[in-house]
Amino acid sequence: MASWYNLLEITSKVGVFMYVFGIDVGGTSVKIGFLSSEGDLLESWSIPTDLRNHGDNILFDVAESIKKFMTMKSLKDSDIIGYGFGLPGPVLNDVAIKCPNLGWENVNVPEAFRSAYGKAVSVKAGNDATVAAAGEYWQRNIKGDIVFITLGTGVGGGIVANGKVVDGAHGAGGEIGHIRVNFDHPTACSCGLEGCLETECSIRGINRMAKVLIQSKKYKTSLTDDESLSPKQVFQAAKDGDAVGLKVADQVGYYLGLACAGIAVTTDPKVILIGGGISNAGDILLENIKKHYFKFAHFAVRNMQFELANLGNDAGMYGAAYLVISESLS
């Protein structure tokens, strides 16, 4: 990855170099990335998310922070292709339909940011998980469609088809976490449904699964049912041959394999990427997903490629920037 100073040197040799801002808006902080049009993350920083007044100050704070950066780097508006935003909620045609963590509802992001910035700049917006999928797609230079599943506090996802993110007709494209996978003993989901993938394969779901097994006393385990229990501990225990850890890893693989088998015959992607903090479990997670996927998958998609995502917390900034880049190329 080229540094800021190297790119200045390149710019002086080959002429004008264009840039883009990728902005990942979270409930606690906003991460702002400054990228080249080629996809190099040159600099990044974060600012607090101001949730007062239903989040009305957020875009003004972002605009002010970017203006200060551009002044410091002697950048002009004509150097910037545009500004991409990843947002924690469904987005349709650049309108944030509802972002409960921010207090936003039906916010036209391009109009609102242009008002905050004070100029008619190019702006694109998407759901944060969908945007993260776009970031992985762009940086891996994948030749084909992808499905991205992120496992963390919740379970999210994104689909990139024909080089474009799939928002869907209602802004719910890629809401993979709300595919129903548990029909026998479903747990209520925050979305209002039951038995969603998110209720089983999120941090809370994995911890609950492990606690039930520990409390049953049917399995010999080194894990303890206390506040320190975490998916990291559970999967490490599985790697060490712990009975409860292995049982949980298998069950998580079952639910994800089942969901992926349905996704595969719907989108037939080239690769399914697994990201989010839980993906740090690594190969033991992938192997359990693939084992169960093979049982449920249609023969035409049985030879599916599964990989771990590798951009981590930077995926949102890359993907938000890609929204702008892909728009400029269309």
Protein backbone atom coordinates (compact mmCIF):
# COMPACT_ATOMS: atom_id res chain seq x y z
CA MET A 1 0.00 0.00 0.00
CA ALA A 2 1.48 3.31 -1.04
CA SER A 3 2.03 6.01 1.53
CA TRP A 4 0.71 9.56 1.32
CA TYR A 5 4.21 10.86 0.56
CA ASN A 6 4.86 8.25 -2.14
CA LEU A 7 1.61 9.19 -3.83
CA LEU A 8 2.56 12.86 -3.79
CA GLU A 9 5.74 11.86 -5.59
CA ILE A 10 3.76 9.73 -8.06
CA THR A 11 1.35 12.59 -8.62
CA SER A 12 4.16 14.95 -9.53
CA LYS A 13 5.38 12.48 -12.15
CA VAL A 14 2.14 11.39 -13.80
CA GLY A 15 -0.12 14.42 -13.32
CA VAL A 16 -3.36 14.88 -11.42
CA PHE A 17 -4.21 12.22 -8.86
CA MET A 18 -7.80 11.88 -7.67
CA TYR A 19 -8.97 11.01 -4.18
CA VAL A 20 -12.09 9.85 -2.36
CA PHE A 21 -13.30 9.89 1.24
CA GLY A 22 -14.79 6.74 2.78
CA ILE A 23 -16.78 7.46 5.94
CA ASP A 24 -17.94 4.67 8.28
CA VAL A 25 -20.57 6.04 10.67
CA GLY A 26 -21.01 4.12 13.91
CA GLY A 27 -22.99 4.75 17.07
CA THR A 28 -19.85 5.67 19.05
CA SER A 29 -17.43 7.05 16.47
CA VAL A 30 -17.16 8.01 12.82
CA LYS A 31 -14.14 6.65 10.96
CA ILE A 32 -12.99 8.76 8.04
CA GLY A 33 -10.65 7.35 5.41
CA PHE A 34 -8.80 9.31 2.74
CA LEU A 35 -8.11 7.03 -0.22
CA SER A 36 -6.64 7.23 -3.69
CA SER A 37 -8.88 6.40 -6.61
CA GLU A 38 -6.83 3.20 -6.94
CA GLY A 39 -7.87 2.01 -3.51
CA ASP A 40 -4.92 2.91 -1.30
CA LEU A 41 -5.92 4.03 2.19
CA LEU A 42 -3.61 7.01 2.64
CA GLU A 43 -4.75 8.32 5.99
CA SER A 44 -7.58 7.70 8.43
CA TRP A 45 -8.89 9.17 11.65
CA SER A 46 -12.02 9.13 13.77
CA ILE A 47 -14.30 11.64 15.45
CA PRO A 48 -16.94 11.06 18.15
CA THR A 49 -20.50 10.44 16.98
CA ASP A 50 -22.68 13.25 18.34
CA LEU A 51 -26.05 11.62 19.04
CA ARG A 52 -27.72 14.76 20.36
CA ASN A 53 -30.75 16.19 18.53
CA HIS A 54 -31.43 12.88 16.73
CA GLY A 55 -27.94 12.90 15.23
CA ASP A 56 -28.46 16.20 13.40
CA ASN A 57 -24.87 17.27 14.08
CA ILE A 58 -23.16 14.17 12.68
CA LEU A 59 -22.80 15.23 9.05
CA PHE A 60 -21.80 18.76 10.03
CA ASP A 61 -19.05 17.31 12.24
CA VAL A 62 -17.87 15.08 9.38
CA ALA A 63 -17.86 18.00 6.93
CA GLU A 64 -15.91 20.20 9.35
CA SER A 65 -13.34 17.48 10.03
CA ILE A 66 -12.80 16.82 6.32
CA LYS A 67 -12.49 20.54 5.54
CA LYS A 68 -9.76 20.88 8.18
CA PHE A 69 -7.92 17.89 6.72
CA MET A 70 -8.13 19.27 3.18
CA THR A 71 -6.82 22.64 4.29
CA MET A 72 -3.93 20.98 6.11
CA LYS A 73 -3.05 18.93 2.98
CA SER A 74 -3.63 21.85 0.55
CA LEU A 75 -6.30 19.88 -1.28
CA LYS A 76 -8.97 21.43 -3.50
CA ASP A 77 -12.55 20.23 -3.99
CA SER A 78 -11.63 19.41 -7.58
CA ASP A 79 -9.13 16.81 -6.25
CA ILE A 80 -11.96 14.80 -4.67
CA ILE A 81 -14.14 12.39 -6.65
CA GLY A 82 -16.71 12.15 -3.88
CA TYR A 83 -17.72 11.14 -0.37
CA GLY A 84 -19.05 7.68 0.49
CA PHE A 85 -20.92 6.77 3.67
CA GLY A 86 -21.52 3.44 5.40
CA LEU A 87 -24.48 3.66 7.80
CA PRO A 88 -25.88 1.37 10.54
CA GLY A 89 -29.28 0.69 9.00
CA PRO A 90 -31.10 0.03 5.73
CA VAL A 91 -30.28 2.46 2.90
CA LEU A 92 -32.17 2.77 -0.37
CA ASN A 93 -31.17 5.13 -3.19
CA ASP A 94 -28.82 6.93 -0.79
CA VAL A 95 -31.62 7.55 1.72
CA ALA A 96 -31.04 6.23 5.25
CA ILE A 97 -34.45 4.68 5.91
CA LYS A 98 -33.86 4.13 9.60
CA CYS A 99 -30.68 4.17 11.70
CA PRO A 100 -31.86 3.72 15.33
CA ASN A 101 -28.33 4.03 16.72
CA LEU A 102 -28.01 7.49 15.17
CA GLY A 103 -31.56 8.73 15.60
CA TRP A 104 -31.96 9.05 11.83
CA GLU A 105 -35.08 8.30 9.83
CA ASN A 106 -35.56 8.94 6.09
CA VAL A 107 -32.41 11.05 5.81
CA ASN A 108 -31.41 11.90 2.24
CA VAL A 109 -27.67 11.60 2.81
CA PRO A 110 -26.45 13.43 -0.35
CA GLU A 111 -28.74 16.39 0.30
CA ALA A 112 -27.92 16.52 4.01
CA PHE A 113 -24.17 16.27 3.51
CA ARG A 114 -24.13 18.87 0.74
CA SER A 115 -25.98 21.21 3.06
CA ALA A 116 -23.46 20.51 5.83
CA TYR A 117 -20.47 20.83 3.49
CA GLY A 118 -21.81 23.91 1.75
CA LYS A 119 -21.08 22.71 -1.79
CA ALA A 120 -22.63 20.45 -4.45
CA VAL A 121 -20.29 17.48 -3.99
CA SER A 122 -20.79 13.86 -5.09
CA VAL A 123 -22.16 11.67 -2.27
CA LYS A 124 -23.11 7.98 -2.05
CA ALA A 125 -24.43 6.00 0.91
CA GLY A 126 -25.06 2.37 1.82
CA ASN A 127 -25.70 0.01 4.71
CA ASP A 128 -22.54 -0.56 6.74
CA ALA A 129 -22.40 -4.34 6.25
CA THR A 130 -23.14 -4.01 2.54
CA VAL A 131 -20.46 -1.37 2.30
CA ALA A 132 -17.97 -3.63 4.11
CA ALA A 133 -18.72 -6.30 1.49
CA ALA A 134 -17.90 -3.77 -1.22
CA GLY A 135 -14.61 -2.98 0.52
CA GLU A 136 -13.54 -6.61 0.58
CA TYR A 137 -14.60 -7.04 -3.05
CA TRP A 138 -12.63 -3.99 -4.18
CA GLN A 139 -9.45 -4.71 -2.29
CA ARG A 140 -9.32 -8.39 -3.24
CA ASN A 141 -10.00 -7.53 -6.89
CA ILE A 142 -12.44 -10.44 -7.05
CA LYS A 143 -13.58 -11.35 -10.55
CA GLY A 144 -17.15 -12.35 -9.83
CA ASP A 145 -19.99 -11.85 -7.36
CA ILE A 146 -19.51 -12.20 -3.61
CA VAL A 147 -21.57 -12.67 -0.47
CA PHE A 148 -20.13 -11.26 2.75
CA ILE A 149 -21.29 -12.31 6.23
CA THR A 150 -20.11 -10.42 9.28
CA LEU A 151 -20.33 -12.08 12.71
CA GLY A 152 -20.11 -9.89 15.78
CA THR A 153 -22.53 -8.15 18.14
CA GLY A 154 -25.07 -8.86 15.40
CA VAL A 155 -24.94 -10.77 12.14
CA GLY A 156 -24.93 -8.66 9.00
CA GLY A 157 -24.12 -9.17 5.39
CA GLY A 158 -23.73 -7.74 1.96
CA ILE A 159 -23.91 -8.85 -1.65
CA VAL A 160 -21.89 -7.49 -4.57
CA ALA A 161 -23.19 -8.50 -8.01
CA ASN A 162 -21.81 -7.31 -11.33
CA GLY A 163 -19.55 -4.92 -9.44
CA LYS A 164 -22.44 -3.20 -7.65
CA VAL A 165 -23.73 -3.56 -4.11
CA VAL A 166 -27.23 -5.03 -3.87
CA ASP A 167 -29.50 -2.80 -1.79
CA GLY A 168 -32.71 -4.45 -2.98
CA ALA A 169 -36.13 -2.92 -3.55
CA HIS A 170 -36.62 -2.07 0.14
CA GLY A 171 -33.04 -1.43 1.28
CA ALA A 172 -32.86 -4.87 2.89
CA GLY A 173 -30.57 -6.60 0.40
CA GLY A 174 -27.96 -8.59 2.33
CA GLU A 175 -29.86 -8.75 5.65
CA ILE A 176 -28.44 -12.24 6.03
CA GLY A 177 -28.64 -12.14 9.82
CA HIS A 178 -32.41 -12.41 9.60
CA ILE A 179 -32.63 -15.63 7.67
CA ARG A 180 -34.42 -18.12 9.92
CA VAL A 181 -32.24 -21.10 10.81
CA ASN A 182 -33.60 -22.40 14.14
CA PHE A 183 -37.07 -23.92 13.85
CA ASP A 184 -36.95 -26.26 16.84
CA HIS A 185 -36.16 -23.93 19.76
CA PRO A 186 -36.19 -20.43 18.27
CA THR A 187 -35.02 -17.43 20.27
CA ALA A 188 -36.71 -14.05 19.84
CA CYS A 189 -34.67 -11.67 17.68
CA SER A 190 -34.49 -7.90 18.10
CA CYS A 191 -36.01 -7.60 14.60
CA GLY A 192 -39.30 -9.05 15.87
CA LEU A 193 -38.85 -12.50 14.33
CA GLU A 194 -37.61 -15.72 15.93
CA GLY A 195 -34.80 -18.14 15.22
CA CYS A 196 -32.79 -15.72 13.06
CA LEU A 197 -29.17 -16.44 12.20
CA GLU A 198 -28.31 -13.45 14.39
CA THR A 199 -29.88 -15.06 17.46
CA GLU A 200 -27.58 -18.08 17.09
CA CYS A 201 -24.29 -16.91 15.58
CA SER A 202 -23.76 -13.50 17.15
CA ILE A 203 -21.65 -12.99 20.27
CA ARG A 204 -24.72 -13.26 22.46
CA GLY A 205 -25.99 -16.34 20.63
CA ILE A 206 -22.70 -18.21 20.88
CA ASN A 207 -22.36 -17.35 24.57
CA ARG A 208 -25.92 -18.53 25.23
CA MET A 209 -25.28 -21.77 23.38
CA ALA A 210 -22.15 -22.45 25.43
CA LYS A 211 -23.86 -21.61 28.73
CA VAL A 212 -26.70 -24.05 28.07
CA LEU A 213 -24.19 -26.84 27.40
CA ILE A 214 -22.08 -25.97 30.45
CA GLN A 215 -25.14 -25.91 32.71
CA SER A 216 -26.33 -29.27 31.37
CA LYS A 217 -23.18 -30.88 32.84
CA LYS A 218 -23.31 -33.47 30.05
CA TYR A 219 -19.91 -32.49 28.66
CA LYS A 220 -16.48 -32.27 30.22
CA THR A 221 -15.26 -28.72 29.73
CA SER A 222 -12.75 -26.14 30.91
CA LEU A 223 -15.20 -23.34 30.13
CA THR A 224 -17.03 -21.61 32.97
CA ASP A 225 -20.45 -19.98 32.98
CA ASP A 226 -19.49 -16.49 34.09
CA GLU A 227 -19.12 -12.96 32.70
CA SER A 228 -15.73 -13.75 31.14
CA LEU A 229 -17.25 -16.26 28.70
CA SER A 230 -16.76 -15.15 25.09
CA PRO A 231 -16.76 -16.63 21.56
CA LYS A 232 -12.97 -16.25 21.57
CA GLN A 233 -12.76 -18.54 24.62
CA VAL A 234 -15.29 -20.97 23.17
CA PHE A 235 -13.49 -21.39 19.85
CA GLN A 236 -10.09 -21.61 21.53
CA ALA A 237 -11.50 -24.37 23.70
CA ALA A 238 -12.73 -26.12 20.56
CA LYS A 239 -9.23 -25.93 19.09
CA ASP A 240 -7.95 -27.53 22.28
CA GLY A 241 -10.45 -30.40 21.95
CA ASP A 242 -12.86 -29.20 24.64
CA ALA A 243 -16.22 -31.00 24.34
CA VAL A 244 -18.41 -27.92 24.81
CA GLY A 245 -16.22 -25.83 22.52
CA LEU A 246 -16.43 -28.49 19.80
CA LYS A 247 -20.19 -28.80 20.19
CA VAL A 248 -20.70 -25.03 19.86
CA ALA A 249 -18.34 -24.77 16.86
CA ASP A 250 -20.28 -27.56 15.17
CA GLN A 251 -23.67 -25.95 15.88
CA VAL A 252 -22.53 -22.52 14.66
CA GLY A 253 -21.25 -24.22 11.52
CA TYR A 254 -24.61 -25.93 11.12
CA TYR A 255 -26.60 -22.69 11.21
CA LEU A 256 -24.19 -20.83 8.93
CA GLY A 257 -23.92 -23.76 6.53
CA LEU A 258 -27.71 -23.97 6.30
CA ALA A 259 -28.04 -20.24 5.62
CA CYS A 260 -25.23 -20.24 3.07
CA ALA A 261 -26.77 -23.16 1.16
CA GLY A 262 -29.93 -21.12 0.65
CA ILE A 263 -27.98 -18.01 -0.28
CA ALA A 264 -25.85 -19.94 -2.76
CA VAL A 265 -28.77 -21.11 -4.93
CA THR A 266 -30.17 -17.58 -4.86
CA THR A 267 -27.06 -15.61 -5.83
CA ASP A 268 -24.50 -18.28 -6.88
CA PRO A 269 -21.52 -16.15 -5.83
CA LYS A 270 -17.92 -16.85 -6.67
CA VAL A 271 -16.97 -16.70 -2.98
CA ILE A 272 -18.62 -16.37 0.42
CA LEU A 273 -16.54 -14.26 2.80
CA ILE A 274 -16.83 -14.54 6.58
CA GLY A 275 -15.84 -11.45 8.58
CA GLY A 276 -16.46 -9.69 11.88
CA GLY A 277 -14.77 -10.32 15.22
CA ILE A 278 -15.97 -13.93 15.49
CA SER A 279 -14.21 -14.75 12.22
CA ASN A 280 -10.94 -14.47 14.16
CA ALA A 281 -11.67 -18.07 15.17
CA GLY A 282 -10.16 -18.88 11.77
CA ASP A 283 -10.05 -22.30 10.15
CA ILE A 284 -12.09 -24.13 12.79
CA LEU A 285 -15.02 -21.85 11.98
CA LEU A 286 -14.62 -22.19 8.21
CA GLU A 287 -14.26 -25.97 8.35
CA ASN A 288 -17.45 -26.37 10.37
CA ILE A 289 -19.35 -24.09 8.00
CA LYS A 290 -18.13 -26.00 4.96
CA LYS A 291 -18.91 -29.38 6.55
CA HIS A 292 -22.56 -28.51 7.06
CA TYR A 293 -22.87 -26.45 3.90
CA PHE A 294 -21.94 -29.52 1.88
CA LYS A 295 -24.87 -31.42 3.45
CA PHE A 296 -27.44 -28.79 2.48
CA ALA A 297 -26.07 -27.36 -0.77
CA HIS A 298 -27.52 -28.09 -4.19
CA PHE A 299 -25.08 -30.08 -6.33
CA ALA A 300 -24.57 -27.14 -8.71
CA VAL A 301 -23.13 -24.93 -5.93
CA ARG A 302 -21.63 -27.57 -3.67
CA ASN A 303 -18.08 -26.64 -4.61
CA MET A 304 -18.40 -23.19 -3.04
CA GLN A 305 -15.36 -21.12 -2.09
CA PHE A 306 -15.32 -19.90 1.53
CA GLU A 307 -12.72 -17.42 2.76
CA LEU A 308 -12.07 -15.24 5.79
CA ALA A 309 -12.38 -11.48 5.27
CA ASN A 310 -9.13 -9.61 5.88
CA LEU A 311 -9.82 -5.86 6.08
CA GLY A 312 -11.13 -5.94 9.64
CA ASN A 313 -12.44 -2.61 10.92
CA ASP A 314 -11.19 -0.78 7.82
CA ALA A 315 -13.62 -2.56 5.48
CA GLY A 316 -16.28 0.10 5.95
CA MET A 317 -14.00 2.94 4.89
CA TYR A 318 -12.82 1.06 1.80
CA GLY A 319 -16.35 0.07 0.87
CA ALA A 320 -17.81 3.53 1.35
CA ALA A 321 -15.12 4.86 -0.97
CA TYR A 322 -15.91 2.11 -3.48
CA LEU A 323 -19.53 3.27 -3.68
CA VAL A 324 -18.22 6.53 -5.11
CA ILE A 325 -15.61 4.90 -7.36
CA SER A 326 -18.08 2.39 -8.85
CA GLU A 327 -20.58 5.18 -9.49
CA SER A 328 -17.96 7.30 -11.25
CA LEU A 329 -17.08 4.38 -13.54
CA SER A 330 -20.67 3.50 -14.50
